[in-house]
């Protein structure tokens, strides 16, 4: 599965990603499971440049819906706990909200006591697979069939995520055989972001990944590889979304791996 998104993987507590069952593949891209036990008085900060998507998350004390984000986010972990999340495909959006744009950057709770009970029971027994299946069952019961628009939205997001040649809204629209206007409508309705925002996120995630995994590759070469006009354009976008420069991130990532 795609390793991008986690800015400092060396600082993660126990974390893994799992693929969904074939029956839920149209609704869930993957599950992520985090478990932690932080020493008393200490905090573990997790920085994320999240995928441009919604996440349904079951935690020890709640069910939450994380909206898509436009900047770097973080969470401070304390004590002992766990979270089981589903990175949702666009087709799953109708199961959790009727307005993806209204929850951008938000984390409203979801009234799903049965779902929480099922996942909590599975996690208490260490059965991670059953925890994921409980979320799958909850979602598929609410989206028994995928509409044509939802299927197109899924294709749009996959195309943008996987095709690095897509650099404009027109590129993305042509890739799935729709107009730019239709691509805009689908992206806003099912994700809450524009296609161009999805493209920018893919490029920044890839830039962060290359900066941390290829320390000998120059920032200028990374910018060129990802289709930026020049290094200053990459630096500008990186700073705007993440709050620091590519060079600053490369340095902090290297230090994190040594700690």
Protein backbone atom coordinates (compact mmCIF):
# COMPACT_ATOMS: atom_id res chain seq x y z
CA UNK A 1 0.00 0.00 0.00
CA UNK A 2 1.01 3.60 -0.57
CA UNK A 3 3.52 4.66 2.12
CA UNK A 4 2.88 8.36 1.70
CA UNK A 5 1.06 10.58 4.18
CA UNK A 6 2.92 9.82 7.40
CA UNK A 7 5.55 12.54 7.77
CA UNK A 8 7.64 10.94 10.54
CA UNK A 9 7.05 7.17 10.42
CA UNK A 10 9.91 6.47 12.85
CA UNK A 11 7.89 8.23 15.57
CA UNK A 12 4.76 6.14 15.08
CA UNK A 13 3.42 3.84 17.77
CA UNK A 14 2.20 0.44 16.58
CA UNK A 15 0.65 1.15 13.18
CA UNK A 16 -0.43 -0.87 10.17
CA UNK A 17 -2.58 -0.65 7.06
CA UNK A 18 -4.85 -3.43 5.84
CA UNK A 19 -6.66 -3.92 2.55
CA UNK A 20 -10.47 -4.20 2.59
CA UNK A 21 -12.41 -7.25 1.52
CA UNK A 22 -13.29 -7.38 -2.20
CA UNK A 23 -16.92 -6.65 -1.31
CA UNK A 24 -15.92 -3.32 0.25
CA UNK A 25 -13.21 -2.29 -2.21
CA UNK A 26 -15.46 0.32 -3.84
CA UNK A 27 -15.96 2.01 -0.46
CA UNK A 28 -12.67 1.66 1.41
CA UNK A 29 -9.18 2.26 0.12
CA UNK A 30 -7.56 0.74 3.16
CA UNK A 31 -7.89 0.42 6.90
CA UNK A 32 -5.32 1.85 9.27
CA UNK A 33 -4.90 0.66 12.82
CA UNK A 34 -2.96 2.50 15.49
CA UNK A 35 -2.29 1.28 19.03
CA UNK A 36 -0.25 3.15 21.60
CA UNK A 37 0.97 3.06 25.15
CA UNK A 38 2.65 6.34 26.05
CA UNK A 39 4.52 6.70 29.33
CA UNK A 40 2.77 8.83 31.98
CA UNK A 41 3.46 12.51 31.55
CA UNK A 42 4.65 12.12 27.97
CA UNK A 43 3.04 12.94 24.61
CA UNK A 44 3.66 11.47 21.17
CA UNK A 45 2.86 13.94 18.38
CA UNK A 46 1.91 12.39 15.04
CA UNK A 47 2.24 14.69 12.02
CA UNK A 48 0.31 13.78 8.88
CA UNK A 49 -0.04 15.14 5.37
CA UNK A 50 -3.28 13.25 4.91
CA UNK A 51 -4.64 11.77 1.73
CA UNK A 52 -7.39 14.01 0.30
CA UNK A 53 -10.26 11.88 1.52
CA UNK A 54 -12.64 11.30 4.39
CA UNK A 55 -11.72 8.91 7.20
CA UNK A 56 -14.22 7.04 9.37
CA UNK A 57 -12.46 6.43 12.68
CA UNK A 58 -13.48 4.27 15.62
CA UNK A 59 -11.60 5.15 18.81
CA UNK A 60 -11.74 3.88 22.37
CA UNK A 61 -14.45 6.38 23.32
CA UNK A 62 -16.09 7.58 20.10
CA UNK A 63 -16.70 7.22 16.38
CA UNK A 64 -15.46 10.22 14.39
CA UNK A 65 -15.51 11.39 10.80
CA UNK A 66 -12.37 13.19 9.69
CA UNK A 67 -13.02 15.51 6.78
CA UNK A 68 -10.51 16.09 4.02
CA UNK A 69 -7.82 18.61 4.90
CA UNK A 70 -6.03 21.43 3.12
CA UNK A 71 -2.90 21.52 5.29
CA UNK A 72 -0.68 19.44 7.54
CA UNK A 73 -2.42 18.07 10.62
CA UNK A 74 -1.29 16.45 13.84
CA UNK A 75 -2.58 14.50 16.79
CA UNK A 76 -1.06 14.25 20.24
CA UNK A 77 -1.26 10.76 21.71
CA UNK A 78 -1.25 10.24 25.48
CA UNK A 79 -1.85 7.29 27.75
CA UNK A 80 -3.03 4.00 26.28
CA UNK A 81 -5.44 3.72 23.39
CA UNK A 82 -6.24 2.60 19.90
CA UNK A 83 -7.95 3.80 16.73
CA UNK A 84 -9.23 1.87 13.73
CA UNK A 85 -9.79 4.04 10.69
CA UNK A 86 -11.08 3.53 7.17
CA UNK A 87 -9.67 5.73 4.42
CA UNK A 88 -12.86 6.13 2.44
CA UNK A 89 -13.24 6.16 -1.29
CA UNK A 90 -15.61 8.82 -2.65
CA UNK A 91 -18.40 6.27 -3.08
CA UNK A 92 -18.58 5.83 0.70
CA UNK A 93 -19.30 9.51 1.34
CA UNK A 94 -23.12 9.12 1.25
CA UNK A 95 -22.84 6.67 4.16
CA UNK A 96 -21.32 9.27 6.47
CA UNK A 97 -22.32 12.77 5.30
CA UNK A 98 -24.46 14.63 2.80
CA UNK A 99 -22.03 17.56 2.63
CA UNK A 100 -18.34 16.69 2.38
CA UNK A 101 -17.39 20.36 2.04
CA UNK A 102 -19.03 21.26 5.36
CA UNK A 103 -16.64 19.03 7.32
CA UNK A 104 -13.37 20.06 5.66
CA UNK A 105 -10.70 19.96 8.33
CA UNK A 106 -13.29 18.92 10.92
CA UNK A 107 -13.80 15.86 13.09
CA UNK A 108 -17.50 15.54 13.99
CA UNK A 109 -18.66 12.55 15.98
CA UNK A 110 -20.83 9.89 14.36
CA UNK A 111 -23.80 8.43 16.21
CA UNK A 112 -23.04 4.75 15.69
CA UNK A 113 -23.12 2.91 19.05
CA UNK A 114 -23.47 -0.49 17.41
CA UNK A 115 -20.40 0.09 15.26
CA UNK A 116 -18.39 1.28 18.24
CA UNK A 117 -19.40 -1.73 20.34
CA UNK A 118 -18.46 -4.18 17.59
CA UNK A 119 -15.04 -2.63 16.95
CA UNK A 120 -14.28 -2.21 20.66
CA UNK A 121 -15.11 -5.86 21.31
CA UNK A 122 -12.82 -6.96 18.50
CA UNK A 123 -9.97 -4.73 19.68
CA UNK A 124 -10.30 -5.92 23.28
CA UNK A 125 -9.63 -9.43 22.01
CA UNK A 126 -6.81 -8.35 19.71
CA UNK A 127 -8.79 -9.33 16.62
CA UNK A 128 -7.84 -6.57 14.19
CA UNK A 129 -9.40 -8.33 11.23
CA UNK A 130 -12.82 -8.45 12.87
CA UNK A 131 -12.51 -4.77 13.79
CA UNK A 132 -12.02 -3.92 10.12
CA UNK A 133 -14.86 -6.21 9.05
CA UNK A 134 -17.22 -4.48 11.48
CA UNK A 135 -16.55 -1.15 9.76
CA UNK A 136 -16.97 -2.78 6.35
CA UNK A 137 -20.36 -4.20 7.34
CA UNK A 138 -21.53 -0.84 8.66
CA UNK A 139 -20.55 0.94 5.45
CA UNK A 140 -21.88 -1.63 2.99
CA UNK A 141 -25.23 -1.68 4.79
CA UNK A 142 -25.50 2.06 4.13
CA UNK A 143 -24.22 1.97 0.55
CA UNK A 144 -25.50 -1.33 -0.86
CA UNK A 145 -25.02 -0.11 -4.43
CA UNK A 146 -22.62 2.43 -5.90
CA UNK A 147 -24.23 5.09 -8.10
CA UNK A 148 -22.84 6.00 -11.49
CA UNK A 149 -21.64 9.37 -10.19
CA UNK A 150 -19.96 7.73 -7.20
CA UNK A 151 -18.20 5.23 -9.45
CA UNK A 152 -16.95 8.11 -11.61
CA UNK A 153 -15.73 9.94 -8.52
CA UNK A 154 -13.82 6.81 -7.49
CA UNK A 155 -12.19 6.64 -10.93
CA UNK A 156 -11.31 10.32 -10.80
CA UNK A 157 -9.53 10.04 -7.46
CA UNK A 158 -7.67 6.88 -8.48
CA UNK A 159 -6.55 8.51 -11.74
CA UNK A 160 -5.23 11.59 -9.95
CA UNK A 161 -3.53 9.50 -7.29
CA UNK A 162 -1.84 7.05 -9.63
CA UNK A 163 -1.07 9.04 -12.79
CA UNK A 164 1.74 11.52 -12.19
CA UNK A 165 1.20 12.95 -15.67
CA UNK A 166 -2.06 14.50 -14.47
CA UNK A 167 -1.19 18.09 -13.58
CA UNK A 168 -4.40 20.00 -14.40
CA UNK A 169 -8.15 19.60 -13.95
CA UNK A 170 -8.43 19.12 -17.72
CA UNK A 171 -5.89 16.27 -17.56
CA UNK A 172 -7.90 14.55 -14.84
CA UNK A 173 -11.21 15.00 -16.64
CA UNK A 174 -9.84 13.65 -19.91
CA UNK A 175 -8.39 10.65 -18.09
CA UNK A 176 -11.89 9.43 -17.11
CA UNK A 177 -13.72 10.79 -20.16
CA UNK A 178 -15.73 13.64 -18.61
CA UNK A 179 -15.72 17.43 -18.85
CA UNK A 180 -13.67 19.58 -16.51
CA UNK A 181 -16.92 20.90 -15.07
CA UNK A 182 -18.11 17.37 -14.28
CA UNK A 183 -14.78 16.53 -12.66
CA UNK A 184 -15.10 19.64 -10.48
CA UNK A 185 -18.63 18.69 -9.46
CA UNK A 186 -17.76 15.11 -8.60
CA UNK A 187 -14.69 16.05 -6.58
CA UNK A 188 -16.47 18.72 -4.56
CA UNK A 189 -19.52 16.54 -3.92
CA UNK A 190 -17.77 13.34 -2.88
CA UNK A 191 -14.49 14.61 -1.38
CA UNK A 192 -15.11 18.27 -0.58
CA UNK A 193 -12.01 19.43 -2.46
CA UNK A 194 -11.36 20.45 -6.06
CA UNK A 195 -9.48 18.18 -8.47
CA UNK A 196 -6.61 20.66 -8.44
CA UNK A 197 -6.36 20.35 -4.65
CA UNK A 198 -6.18 16.58 -5.04
CA UNK A 199 -3.39 16.96 -7.59
CA UNK A 200 -1.46 19.33 -5.33
CA UNK A 201 -1.77 16.93 -2.40
CA UNK A 202 -0.44 14.01 -4.44
CA UNK A 203 2.58 16.03 -5.53
CA UNK A 204 3.34 17.28 -2.02
CA UNK A 205 3.01 13.81 -0.54
CA UNK A 206 5.37 12.46 -3.17
CA UNK A 207 7.78 15.34 -2.55
CA UNK A 208 7.81 14.60 1.19
CA UNK A 209 8.34 10.90 0.48
CA UNK A 210 11.27 11.56 -1.86
CA UNK A 211 12.83 14.10 0.50
CA UNK A 212 12.89 11.57 3.32
CA UNK A 213 13.83 8.46 1.32
CA UNK A 214 16.30 9.93 -1.20
CA UNK A 215 18.57 12.23 0.82
CA UNK A 216 21.10 12.50 -2.02
CA UNK A 217 18.57 13.76 -4.58
CA UNK A 218 18.55 17.54 -4.83
CA UNK A 219 15.37 19.49 -4.14
CA UNK A 220 15.63 20.97 -7.64
CA UNK A 221 15.66 17.47 -9.15
CA UNK A 222 12.67 16.43 -7.03
CA UNK A 223 10.78 19.52 -8.19
CA UNK A 224 11.54 18.68 -11.82
CA UNK A 225 10.55 15.03 -11.37
CA UNK A 226 7.17 16.03 -9.97
CA UNK A 227 6.40 18.51 -12.72
CA UNK A 228 6.98 21.78 -10.86
CA UNK A 229 8.09 24.72 -12.99
CA UNK A 230 11.14 25.13 -10.77
CA UNK A 231 12.40 24.63 -7.22
CA UNK A 232 10.88 27.89 -5.83
CA UNK A 233 7.40 26.69 -6.81
CA UNK A 234 7.87 23.49 -4.83
CA UNK A 235 9.29 25.41 -1.86
CA UNK A 236 6.34 27.82 -1.91
CA UNK A 237 3.69 25.07 -2.02
CA UNK A 238 5.52 22.97 0.57
CA UNK A 239 5.79 25.87 3.02
CA UNK A 240 2.17 26.93 2.47
CA UNK A 241 0.70 23.50 3.29
CA UNK A 242 3.23 21.99 5.70
CA UNK A 243 4.51 25.11 7.41
CA UNK A 244 8.19 24.50 6.69
CA UNK A 245 10.54 24.26 3.72
CA UNK A 246 11.54 21.06 1.90
CA UNK A 247 15.04 21.45 3.31
CA UNK A 248 13.70 21.88 6.82
CA UNK A 249 11.55 18.79 6.46
CA UNK A 250 14.44 16.74 5.07
CA UNK A 251 16.58 17.71 8.06
CA UNK A 252 13.87 16.99 10.65
CA UNK A 253 12.98 13.69 8.96
CA UNK A 254 16.62 12.60 9.05
CA UNK A 255 16.90 13.50 12.72
CA UNK A 256 13.69 11.61 13.49
CA UNK A 257 15.04 8.44 11.88
CA UNK A 258 18.20 8.65 14.00
CA UNK A 259 16.37 9.21 17.29
